[in-house]
Structure formats: C-alpha cells, structure tokens
Amino acid sequence: MESNGTEFNPEMHEAITEIPAPTEDLKGKVVDTVEKGYLLNDKIIRYAKVVVGR
C-alpha cells in the first residue's frame, strides 16, 4: 500500500503524529510513512502508520 502524498484516510491509515505541513498542498495529507500497511485481496491486513501534515 503506497501512502506518501495521499489524502489521509482513517479507514486505511493510523495517524501516529501531526507535524506542520512543509507546503500548503500537504495539509491533511500523509507526509511520511512510519510503518507500511498491507492489503490482501482488497482487504486491509495491517493499517499504515503515518505522519500527517497539519
């Protein structure tokens, strides 16, 4: 599952922390992935742990 730069989705991502967004277009989007999430046949096996821009 690719997360960096995508819109934060609580059904697919687990927000570990929020940081000030480096640019305006990253507000509310995933800035960094701490732990990669996994899908199996379109079913979430593990949520991606991410850092979100505020």
N, C-alpha and C. Protein backbone atom coordinates (compact mmCIF):
# COMPACT_ATOMS: atom_id res chain seq x y z
N MET A 1 0.85 -1.17 0.00
CA MET A 1 0.00 0.00 0.00
C MET A 1 0.90 1.24 0.00
N GLU A 2 0.72 2.11 -0.96
CA GLU A 2 1.50 3.34 -1.05
C GLU A 2 0.73 4.48 -0.39
N SER A 3 1.38 5.22 0.52
CA SER A 3 0.66 6.22 1.30
C SER A 3 1.20 7.63 1.15
N ASN A 4 2.49 7.80 0.94
CA ASN A 4 3.09 9.14 0.92
C ASN A 4 2.44 10.03 -0.13
N GLY A 5 2.03 11.24 0.31
CA GLY A 5 1.44 12.22 -0.59
C GLY A 5 -0.04 12.04 -0.84
N THR A 6 -0.64 10.99 -0.29
CA THR A 6 -2.08 10.76 -0.50
C THR A 6 -2.87 11.43 0.62
N GLU A 7 -4.14 11.62 0.38
CA GLU A 7 -5.05 12.19 1.38
C GLU A 7 -5.16 11.22 2.56
N PHE A 8 -5.15 11.76 3.78
CA PHE A 8 -5.29 10.91 4.96
C PHE A 8 -6.67 10.28 4.98
N ASN A 9 -6.71 8.97 5.10
CA ASN A 9 -7.96 8.21 5.13
C ASN A 9 -7.94 7.35 6.40
N PRO A 10 -8.79 7.67 7.40
CA PRO A 10 -8.76 6.91 8.64
C PRO A 10 -9.15 5.44 8.49
N GLU A 11 -9.74 5.07 7.37
CA GLU A 11 -10.07 3.67 7.14
C GLU A 11 -8.87 2.86 6.64
N MET A 12 -7.81 3.57 6.19
CA MET A 12 -6.62 2.88 5.70
C MET A 12 -5.36 3.24 6.47
N HIS A 13 -5.38 4.39 7.16
CA HIS A 13 -4.18 4.88 7.84
C HIS A 13 -4.42 5.03 9.33
N GLU A 14 -3.35 4.89 10.10
CA GLU A 14 -3.37 5.18 11.52
C GLU A 14 -2.40 6.34 11.73
N ALA A 15 -2.93 7.49 12.20
CA ALA A 15 -2.10 8.68 12.39
C ALA A 15 -1.30 8.54 13.68
N ILE A 16 0.02 8.52 13.55
CA ILE A 16 0.90 8.45 14.70
C ILE A 16 1.08 9.84 15.30
N THR A 17 1.31 10.83 14.44
CA THR A 17 1.51 12.21 14.88
C THR A 17 1.16 13.17 13.75
N GLU A 18 1.05 14.45 14.10
CA GLU A 18 0.83 15.52 13.14
C GLU A 18 2.00 16.48 13.24
N ILE A 19 2.45 16.97 12.08
CA ILE A 19 3.50 17.98 12.06
C ILE A 19 3.02 19.15 11.20
N PRO A 20 3.62 20.33 11.37
CA PRO A 20 3.26 21.44 10.46
C PRO A 20 3.62 21.04 9.02
N ALA A 21 2.69 21.27 8.11
CA ALA A 21 2.90 20.87 6.72
C ALA A 21 4.02 21.71 6.10
N PRO A 22 4.99 21.06 5.43
CA PRO A 22 6.07 21.82 4.80
C PRO A 22 5.58 22.74 3.68
N THR A 23 4.52 22.34 2.99
CA THR A 23 3.91 23.17 1.95
C THR A 23 2.39 23.14 2.13
N GLU A 24 1.74 24.13 1.52
CA GLU A 24 0.27 24.23 1.65
C GLU A 24 -0.45 23.02 1.04
N ASP A 25 0.09 22.44 -0.01
CA ASP A 25 -0.61 21.32 -0.66
C ASP A 25 -0.51 20.02 0.12
N LEU A 26 0.32 19.96 1.19
CA LEU A 26 0.42 18.75 2.02
C LEU A 26 -0.44 18.81 3.27
N LYS A 27 -1.24 19.84 3.44
CA LYS A 27 -2.13 19.91 4.61
C LYS A 27 -3.20 18.83 4.49
N GLY A 28 -3.33 18.01 5.55
CA GLY A 28 -4.31 16.93 5.55
C GLY A 28 -3.88 15.70 4.77
N LYS A 29 -2.63 15.70 4.31
CA LYS A 29 -2.12 14.56 3.55
C LYS A 29 -1.02 13.87 4.32
N VAL A 30 -0.69 12.67 3.90
CA VAL A 30 0.35 11.88 4.53
C VAL A 30 1.71 12.44 4.12
N VAL A 31 2.52 12.83 5.13
CA VAL A 31 3.85 13.39 4.88
C VAL A 31 4.90 12.29 4.90
N ASP A 32 4.78 11.34 5.83
CA ASP A 32 5.77 10.27 5.97
C ASP A 32 5.09 8.99 6.44
N THR A 33 5.62 7.86 6.03
CA THR A 33 5.10 6.56 6.47
C THR A 33 6.08 5.95 7.45
N VAL A 34 5.61 5.68 8.68
CA VAL A 34 6.45 5.08 9.71
C VAL A 34 6.49 3.56 9.53
N GLU A 35 5.32 2.97 9.30
CA GLU A 35 5.23 1.52 9.09
C GLU A 35 4.26 1.27 7.94
N LYS A 36 4.71 0.54 6.95
CA LYS A 36 3.91 0.27 5.76
C LYS A 36 2.71 -0.60 6.08
N GLY A 37 1.58 -0.30 5.44
CA GLY A 37 0.38 -1.10 5.59
C GLY A 37 0.29 -2.15 4.49
N TYR A 38 -0.53 -3.16 4.71
CA TYR A 38 -0.65 -4.25 3.74
C TYR A 38 -2.11 -4.54 3.42
N LEU A 39 -2.36 -4.84 2.14
CA LEU A 39 -3.66 -5.26 1.65
C LEU A 39 -3.54 -6.68 1.11
N LEU A 40 -4.60 -7.47 1.27
CA LEU A 40 -4.67 -8.80 0.69
C LEU A 40 -6.06 -8.95 0.09
N ASN A 41 -6.11 -9.03 -1.24
CA ASN A 41 -7.39 -9.13 -1.96
C ASN A 41 -8.33 -8.00 -1.56
N ASP A 42 -7.83 -6.76 -1.57
CA ASP A 42 -8.57 -5.55 -1.23
C ASP A 42 -9.09 -5.53 0.20
N LYS A 43 -8.51 -6.32 1.08
CA LYS A 43 -8.86 -6.31 2.50
C LYS A 43 -7.62 -5.88 3.28
N ILE A 44 -7.81 -4.97 4.24
CA ILE A 44 -6.68 -4.44 4.99
C ILE A 44 -6.19 -5.47 6.00
N ILE A 45 -4.92 -5.82 5.88
CA ILE A 45 -4.28 -6.75 6.80
C ILE A 45 -3.63 -5.96 7.94
N ARG A 46 -2.94 -4.87 7.59
CA ARG A 46 -2.33 -4.00 8.59
C ARG A 46 -2.46 -2.56 8.13
N TYR A 47 -2.94 -1.68 9.02
CA TYR A 47 -3.06 -0.27 8.72
C TYR A 47 -1.68 0.37 8.62
N ALA A 48 -1.52 1.32 7.71
CA ALA A 48 -0.26 2.05 7.59
C ALA A 48 -0.18 3.07 8.72
N LYS A 49 0.95 3.13 9.39
CA LYS A 49 1.18 4.11 10.45
C LYS A 49 1.89 5.30 9.81
N VAL A 50 1.24 6.46 9.88
CA VAL A 50 1.71 7.61 9.10
C VAL A 50 1.80 8.88 9.94
N VAL A 51 2.55 9.86 9.38
CA VAL A 51 2.65 11.21 9.91
C VAL A 51 1.83 12.11 8.98
N VAL A 52 0.95 12.93 9.55
CA VAL A 52 0.04 13.75 8.77
C VAL A 52 0.44 15.23 8.90
N GLY A 53 0.37 15.96 7.79
CA GLY A 53 0.63 17.40 7.79
C GLY A 53 -0.57 18.17 8.32
N ARG A 54 -0.30 19.15 9.17
CA ARG A 54 -1.39 19.93 9.77
C ARG A 54 -1.49 21.27 9.10
